[in-house]
Amino acid sequence: MKSEAVSLPVIAGVPLDCSFWLEDDGWSGVCERLSVIVRGGSFEDAKKNMEAALQDHIERVLREHLGRSSQRIA
């Protein structure tokens, strides 16, 4: 019996240290290592916004890197 490969996206969580602080009009957060800054009306909003911003940032970096790698191969 021949086995078949299954291809699917896998989301890998990457722990990063971020700082959050309360300001007059809501919460702010920063991930200094990747230069990502977010805001939110509550701490939970700011944390959720940071997770989304980090996901977007990492996906963009990977797309750019993979695009350059394939151009060198071609």
PDB file of N, CA and C in Angstrom:
ATOM      1  N   MET A   1       0.840  -1.176   0.000  1.00  0.00           N
ATOM      2  CA  MET A   1       0.000   0.000   0.000  1.00  0.00           C
ATOM      3  C   MET A   1       0.890   1.247   0.000  1.00  0.00           C
ATOM      4  N   LYS A   2       0.639   2.135  -0.928  1.00  0.00           N
ATOM      5  CA  LYS A   2       1.414   3.361  -1.031  1.00  0.00           C
ATOM      6  C   LYS A   2       0.745   4.446  -0.190  1.00  0.00           C
ATOM      7  N   SER A   3       1.509   5.099   0.658  1.00  0.00           N
ATOM      8  CA  SER A   3       0.946   6.188   1.457  1.00  0.00           C
ATOM      9  C   SER A   3       1.003   7.483   0.653  1.00  0.00           C
ATOM     10  N   GLU A   4       0.067   8.353   0.929  1.00  0.00           N
ATOM     11  CA  GLU A   4       0.014   9.639   0.245  1.00  0.00           C
ATOM     12  C   GLU A   4       0.325  10.749   1.230  1.00  0.00           C
ATOM     13  N   ALA A   5       1.001  11.759   0.748  1.00  0.00           N
ATOM     14  CA  ALA A   5       1.341  12.904   1.592  1.00  0.00           C
ATOM     15  C   ALA A   5       0.129  13.816   1.729  1.00  0.00           C
ATOM     16  N   VAL A   6      -0.002  14.392   2.881  1.00  0.00           N
ATOM     17  CA  VAL A   6      -1.058  15.367   3.148  1.00  0.00           C
ATOM     18  C   VAL A   6      -0.388  16.710   3.368  1.00  0.00           C
ATOM     19  N   SER A   7      -0.848  17.711   2.642  1.00  0.00           N
ATOM     20  CA  SER A   7      -0.289  19.049   2.759  1.00  0.00           C
ATOM     21  C   SER A   7      -1.335  19.976   3.361  1.00  0.00           C
ATOM     22  N   LEU A   8      -0.988  20.662   4.442  1.00  0.00           N
ATOM     23  CA  LEU A   8      -1.912  21.593   5.076  1.00  0.00           C
ATOM     24  C   LEU A   8      -1.135  22.641   5.843  1.00  0.00           C
ATOM     25  N   PRO A   9      -1.741  23.812   6.040  1.00  0.00           N
ATOM     26  CA  PRO A   9      -1.050  24.857   6.790  1.00  0.00           C
ATOM     27  C   PRO A   9      -0.999  24.517   8.277  1.00  0.00           C
ATOM     28  N   VAL A  10       0.118  24.836   8.901  1.00  0.00           N
ATOM     29  CA  VAL A  10       0.300  24.645  10.338  1.00  0.00           C
ATOM     30  C   VAL A  10       0.689  25.997  10.927  1.00  0.00           C
ATOM     31  N   ILE A  11      -0.010  26.416  11.953  1.00  0.00           N
ATOM     32  CA  ILE A  11       0.299  27.687  12.606  1.00  0.00           C
ATOM     33  C   ILE A  11       1.174  27.389  13.815  1.00  0.00           C
ATOM     34  N   ALA A  12       2.371  27.936  13.806  1.00  0.00           N
ATOM     35  CA  ALA A  12       3.315  27.711  14.901  1.00  0.00           C
ATOM     36  C   ALA A  12       3.388  28.963  15.767  1.00  0.00           C
ATOM     37  N   GLY A  13       3.081  28.810  17.030  1.00  0.00           N
ATOM     38  CA  GLY A  13       3.180  29.936  17.954  1.00  0.00           C
ATOM     39  C   GLY A  13       4.637  30.214  18.293  1.00  0.00           C
ATOM     40  N   VAL A  14       5.020  31.463  18.213  1.00  0.00           N
ATOM     41  CA  VAL A  14       6.383  31.866  18.536  1.00  0.00           C
ATOM     42  C   VAL A  14       6.303  32.834  19.714  1.00  0.00           C
ATOM     43  N   PRO A  15       6.763  32.426  20.894  1.00  0.00           N
ATOM     44  CA  PRO A  15       6.675  33.327  22.044  1.00  0.00           C
ATOM     45  C   PRO A  15       7.641  34.505  21.906  1.00  0.00           C
ATOM     46  N   LEU A  16       7.126  35.702  22.090  1.00  0.00           N
ATOM     47  CA  LEU A  16       7.933  36.918  22.046  1.00  0.00           C
ATOM     48  C   LEU A  16       7.566  37.783  23.245  1.00  0.00           C
ATOM     49  N   ASP A  17       8.564  38.414  23.843  1.00  0.00           N
ATOM     50  CA  ASP A  17       8.303  39.310  24.961  1.00  0.00           C
ATOM     51  C   ASP A  17       7.786  40.644  24.440  1.00  0.00           C
ATOM     52  N   CYS A  18       6.681  41.094  25.016  1.00  0.00           N
ATOM     53  CA  CYS A  18       6.073  42.369  24.658  1.00  0.00           C
ATOM     54  C   CYS A  18       5.782  43.136  25.944  1.00  0.00           C
ATOM     55  N   SER A  19       5.730  44.440  25.848  1.00  0.00           N
ATOM     56  CA  SER A  19       5.401  45.291  26.993  1.00  0.00           C
ATOM     57  C   SER A  19       4.090  46.005  26.719  1.00  0.00           C
ATOM     58  N   PHE A  20       3.257  46.120  27.751  1.00  0.00           N
ATOM     59  CA  PHE A  20       1.969  46.809  27.651  1.00  0.00           C
ATOM     60  C   PHE A  20       1.862  47.808  28.794  1.00  0.00           C
ATOM     61  N   TRP A  21       1.240  48.948  28.527  1.00  0.00           N
ATOM     62  CA  TRP A  21       1.063  49.945  29.576  1.00  0.00           C
ATOM     63  C   TRP A  21      -0.232  50.715  29.332  1.00  0.00           C
ATOM     64  N   LEU A  22      -0.792  51.201  30.430  1.00  0.00           N
ATOM     65  CA  LEU A  22      -2.043  51.955  30.399  1.00  0.00           C
ATOM     66  C   LEU A  22      -1.748  53.424  30.157  1.00  0.00           C
ATOM     67  N   GLU A  23      -2.486  54.015  29.212  1.00  0.00           N
ATOM     68  CA  GLU A  23      -2.411  55.444  28.948  1.00  0.00           C
ATOM     69  C   GLU A  23      -3.784  56.041  29.215  1.00  0.00           C
ATOM     70  N   ASP A  24      -3.922  57.351  29.076  1.00  0.00           N
ATOM     71  CA  ASP A  24      -5.192  58.023  29.369  1.00  0.00           C
ATOM     72  C   ASP A  24      -6.344  57.500  28.522  1.00  0.00           C
ATOM     73  N   ASP A  25      -6.071  57.147  27.270  1.00  0.00           N
ATOM     74  CA  ASP A  25      -7.142  56.758  26.350  1.00  0.00           C
ATOM     75  C   ASP A  25      -7.124  55.276  25.979  1.00  0.00           C
ATOM     76  N   GLY A  26      -6.447  54.437  26.749  1.00  0.00           N
ATOM     77  CA  GLY A  26      -6.432  53.002  26.465  1.00  0.00           C
ATOM     78  C   GLY A  26      -5.066  52.408  26.740  1.00  0.00           C
ATOM     79  N   TRP A  27      -4.867  51.210  26.221  1.00  0.00           N
ATOM     80  CA  TRP A  27      -3.621  50.478  26.427  1.00  0.00           C
ATOM     81  C   TRP A  27      -2.747  50.535  25.179  1.00  0.00           C
ATOM     82  N   SER A  28      -1.445  50.586  25.399  1.00  0.00           N
ATOM     83  CA  SER A  28      -0.465  50.522  24.317  1.00  0.00           C
ATOM     84  C   SER A  28       0.425  49.312  24.548  1.00  0.00           C
ATOM     85  N   GLY A  29       0.983  48.805  23.458  1.00  0.00           N
ATOM     86  CA  GLY A  29       1.890  47.674  23.568  1.00  0.00           C
ATOM     87  C   GLY A  29       2.981  47.771  22.527  1.00  0.00           C
ATOM     88  N   VAL A  30       4.128  47.181  22.842  1.00  0.00           N
ATOM     89  CA  VAL A  30       5.247  47.181  21.908  1.00  0.00           C
ATOM     90  C   VAL A  30       5.988  45.850  22.005  1.00  0.00           C
ATOM     91  N   CYS A  31       6.386  45.365  20.850  1.00  0.00           N
ATOM     92  CA  CYS A  31       7.330  44.252  20.767  1.00  0.00           C
ATOM     93  C   CYS A  31       8.588  44.868  20.167  1.00  0.00           C
ATOM     94  N   GLU A  32       9.515  45.238  21.035  1.00  0.00           N
ATOM     95  CA  GLU A  32      10.703  45.971  20.596  1.00  0.00           C
ATOM     96  C   GLU A  32      11.563  45.163  19.640  1.00  0.00           C
ATOM     97  N   ARG A  33      11.610  43.860  19.830  1.00  0.00           N
ATOM     98  CA  ARG A  33      12.464  43.008  18.990  1.00  0.00           C
ATOM     99  C   ARG A  33      12.077  43.092  17.511  1.00  0.00           C
ATOM    100  N   LEU A  34      10.762  43.257  17.231  1.00  0.00           N
ATOM    101  CA  LEU A  34      10.294  43.324  15.843  1.00  0.00           C
ATOM    102  C   LEU A  34       9.752  44.701  15.471  1.00  0.00           C
ATOM    103  N   SER A  35       9.881  45.674  16.362  1.00  0.00           N
ATOM    104  CA  SER A  35       9.404  47.045  16.127  1.00  0.00           C
ATOM    105  C   SER A  35       7.917  47.084  15.782  1.00  0.00           C
ATOM    106  N   VAL A  36       7.110  46.377  16.565  1.00  0.00           N
ATOM    107  CA  VAL A  36       5.661  46.348  16.366  1.00  0.00           C
ATOM    108  C   VAL A  36       5.011  47.088  17.526  1.00  0.00           C
ATOM    109  N   ILE A  37       4.121  48.045  17.207  1.00  0.00           N
ATOM    110  CA  ILE A  37       3.422  48.847  18.210  1.00  0.00           C
ATOM    111  C   ILE A  37       1.924  48.713  17.976  1.00  0.00           C
ATOM    112  N   VAL A  38       1.155  48.571  19.061  1.00  0.00           N
ATOM    113  CA  VAL A  38      -0.302  48.451  18.952  1.00  0.00           C
ATOM    114  C   VAL A  38      -0.981  49.298  20.020  1.00  0.00           C
ATOM    115  N   ARG A  39      -2.294  49.465  19.839  1.00  0.00           N
ATOM    116  CA  ARG A  39      -3.149  50.155  20.812  1.00  0.00           C
ATOM    117  C   ARG A  39      -4.411  49.334  20.985  1.00  0.00           C
ATOM    118  N   GLY A  40      -5.091  49.558  22.100  1.00  0.00           N
ATOM    119  CA  GLY A  40      -6.362  48.896  22.343  1.00  0.00           C
ATOM    120  C   GLY A  40      -7.126  49.612  23.434  1.00  0.00           C
ATOM    121  N   GLY A  41      -8.449  49.485  23.404  1.00  0.00           N
ATOM    122  CA  GLY A  41      -9.284  50.117  24.415  1.00  0.00           C
ATOM    123  C   GLY A  41      -9.150  49.470  25.777  1.00  0.00           C
ATOM    124  N   SER A  42      -8.772  48.202  25.791  1.00  0.00           N
ATOM    125  CA  SER A  42      -8.559  47.462  27.033  1.00  0.00           C
ATOM    126  C   SER A  42      -7.263  46.670  26.891  1.00  0.00           C
ATOM    127  N   PHE A  43      -6.811  46.110  28.009  1.00  0.00           N
ATOM    128  CA  PHE A  43      -5.607  45.281  27.944  1.00  0.00           C
ATOM    129  C   PHE A  43      -5.822  44.105  27.001  1.00  0.00           C
ATOM    130  N   GLU A  44      -7.006  43.477  27.105  1.00  0.00           N
ATOM    131  CA  GLU A  44      -7.310  42.325  26.252  1.00  0.00           C
ATOM    132  C   GLU A  44      -7.286  42.709  24.777  1.00  0.00           C
ATOM    133  N   ASP A  45      -7.836  43.896  24.447  1.00  0.00           N
ATOM    134  CA  ASP A  45      -7.814  44.372  23.057  1.00  0.00           C
ATOM    135  C   ASP A  45      -6.380  44.587  22.576  1.00  0.00           C
ATOM    136  N   ALA A  46      -5.567  45.218  23.416  1.00  0.00           N
ATOM    137  CA  ALA A  46      -4.179  45.480  23.028  1.00  0.00           C
ATOM    138  C   ALA A  46      -3.422  44.170  22.817  1.00  0.00           C
ATOM    139  N   LYS A  47      -3.645  43.195  23.690  1.00  0.00           N
ATOM    140  CA  LYS A  47      -2.974  41.894  23.553  1.00  0.00           C
ATOM    141  C   LYS A  47      -3.426  41.183  22.283  1.00  0.00           C
ATOM    142  N   LYS A  48      -4.740  41.221  22.016  1.00  0.00           N
ATOM    143  CA  LYS A  48      -5.271  40.601  20.800  1.00  0.00           C
ATOM    144  C   LYS A  48      -4.714  41.310  19.557  1.00  0.00           C
ATOM    145  N   ASN A  49      -4.651  42.637  19.610  1.00  0.00           N
ATOM    146  CA  ASN A  49      -4.097  43.403  18.488  1.00  0.00           C
ATOM    147  C   ASN A  49      -2.617  43.084  18.279  1.00  0.00           C
ATOM    148  N   MET A  50      -1.889  42.857  19.379  1.00  0.00           N
ATOM    149  CA  MET A  50      -0.470  42.503  19.270  1.00  0.00           C
ATOM    150  C   MET A  50      -0.323  41.136  18.612  1.00  0.00           C
ATOM    151  N   GLU A  51      -1.144  40.184  19.026  1.00  0.00           N
ATOM    152  CA  GLU A  51      -1.079  38.849  18.419  1.00  0.00           C
ATOM    153  C   GLU A  51      -1.326  38.928  16.917  1.00  0.00           C
ATOM    154  N   ALA A  52      -2.330  39.703  16.506  1.00  0.00           N
ATOM    155  CA  ALA A  52      -2.645  39.843  15.082  1.00  0.00           C
ATOM    156  C   ALA A  52      -1.521  40.570  14.340  1.00  0.00           C
ATOM    157  N   ALA A  53      -0.988  41.628  14.940  1.00  0.00           N
ATOM    158  CA  ALA A  53       0.081  42.394  14.294  1.00  0.00           C
ATOM    159  C   ALA A  53       1.350  41.556  14.148  1.00  0.00           C
ATOM    160  N   LEU A  54       1.667  40.763  15.169  1.00  0.00           N
ATOM    161  CA  LEU A  54       2.848  39.899  15.081  1.00  0.00           C
ATOM    162  C   LEU A  54       2.664  38.824  14.019  1.00  0.00           C
ATOM    163  N   GLN A  55       1.468  38.250  13.956  1.00  0.00           N
ATOM    164  CA  GLN A  55       1.175  37.236  12.933  1.00  0.00           C
ATOM    165  C   GLN A  55       1.357  37.835  11.535  1.00  0.00           C
ATOM    166  N   ASP A  56       0.781  39.023  11.317  1.00  0.00           N
ATOM    167  CA  ASP A  56       0.915  39.702  10.020  1.00  0.00           C
ATOM    168  C   ASP A  56       2.382  39.995   9.701  1.00  0.00           C
ATOM    169  N   HIS A  57       3.109  40.494  10.682  1.00  0.00           N
ATOM    170  CA  HIS A  57       4.519  40.847  10.478  1.00  0.00           C
ATOM    171  C   HIS A  57       5.343  39.616  10.094  1.00  0.00           C
ATOM    172  N   ILE A  58       5.168  38.538  10.839  1.00  0.00           N
ATOM    173  CA  ILE A  58       5.937  37.316  10.576  1.00  0.00           C
ATOM    174  C   ILE A  58       5.574  36.725   9.220  1.00  0.00           C
ATOM    175  N   GLU A  59       4.287  36.724   8.866  1.00  0.00           N
ATOM    176  CA  GLU A  59       3.871  36.213   7.552  1.00  0.00           C
ATOM    177  C   GLU A  59       4.477  37.045   6.428  1.00  0.00           C
ATOM    178  N   ARG A  60       4.503  38.378   6.590  1.00  0.00           N
ATOM    179  CA  ARG A  60       5.064  39.254   5.560  1.00  0.00           C
ATOM    180  C   ARG A  60       6.564  39.000   5.400  1.00  0.00           C
ATOM    181  N   VAL A  61       7.277  38.873   6.512  1.00  0.00           N
ATOM    182  CA  VAL A  61       8.716  38.606   6.454  1.00  0.00           C
ATOM    183  C   VAL A  61       8.982  37.276   5.759  1.00  0.00           C
ATOM    184  N   LEU A  62       8.203  36.257   6.083  1.00  0.00           N
ATOM    185  CA  LEU A  62       8.391  34.949   5.440  1.00  0.00           C
ATOM    186  C   LEU A  62       8.101  35.011   3.944  1.00  0.00           C
ATOM    187  N   ARG A  63       7.016  35.710   3.555  1.00  0.00           N
ATOM    188  CA  ARG A  63       6.697  35.836   2.124  1.00  0.00           C
ATOM    189  C   ARG A  63       7.835  36.533   1.389  1.00  0.00           C
ATOM    190  N   GLU A  64       8.348  37.622   1.966  1.00  0.00           N
ATOM    191  CA  GLU A  64       9.445  38.350   1.323  1.00  0.00           C
ATOM    192  C   GLU A  64      10.692  37.473   1.217  1.00  0.00           C
ATOM    193  N   HIS A  65      11.007  36.763   2.274  1.00  0.00           N
ATOM    194  CA  HIS A  65      12.195  35.902   2.279  1.00  0.00           C
ATOM    195  C   HIS A  65      12.045  34.759   1.278  1.00  0.00           C
ATOM    196  N   LEU A  66      10.886  34.118   1.277  1.00  0.00           N
ATOM    197  CA  LEU A  66      10.670  33.001   0.354  1.00  0.00           C
ATOM    198  C   LEU A  66      10.646  33.480  -1.088  1.00  0.00           C
ATOM    199  N   GLY A  67      10.125  34.675  -1.330  1.00  0.00           N
ATOM    200  CA  GLY A  67      10.117  35.238  -2.677  1.00  0.00           C
ATOM    201  C   GLY A  67      11.523  35.490  -3.183  1.00  0.00           C
ATOM    202  N   ARG A  68      12.383  36.012  -2.323  1.00  0.00           N
ATOM    203  CA  ARG A  68      13.776  36.259  -2.714  1.00  0.00           C
ATOM    204  C   ARG A  68      14.523  34.956  -2.935  1.00  0.00           C
ATOM    205  N   SER A  69      14.242  33.960  -2.103  1.00  0.00           N
ATOM    206  CA  SER A  69      14.918  32.665  -2.246  1.00  0.00           C
ATOM    207  C   SER A  69      14.568  32.013  -3.570  1.00  0.00           C
ATOM    208  N   SER A  70      13.302  32.075  -3.975  1.00  0.00           N
ATOM    209  CA  SER A  70      12.899  31.444  -5.232  1.00  0.00           C
ATOM    210  C   SER A  70      13.454  32.211  -6.430  1.00  0.00           C
ATOM    211  N   GLN A  71      13.651  33.520  -6.303  1.00  0.00           N
ATOM    212  CA  GLN A  71      14.227  34.292  -7.401  1.00  0.00           C
ATOM    213  C   GLN A  71      15.693  33.906  -7.614  1.00  0.00           C
ATOM    214  N   ARG A  72      16.410  33.619  -6.532  1.00  0.00           N
ATOM    215  CA  ARG A  72      17.815  33.219  -6.662  1.00  0.00           C
ATOM    216  C   ARG A  72      17.946  31.853  -7.309  1.00  0.00           C
ATOM    217  N   ILE A  73      16.997  30.973  -7.030  1.00  0.00           N
ATOM    218  CA  ILE A  73      17.037  29.615  -7.579  1.00  0.00           C
ATOM    219  C   ILE A  73      16.734  29.630  -9.069  1.00  0.00           C
ATOM    220  N   ALA A  74      15.812  30.481  -9.496  1.00  0.00           N
ATOM    221  CA  ALA A  74      15.368  30.494 -10.892  1.00  0.00           C
ATOM    222  C   ALA A  74      16.403  31.006 -11.847  1.00  0.00           C
TER     223      ALA A  74
END
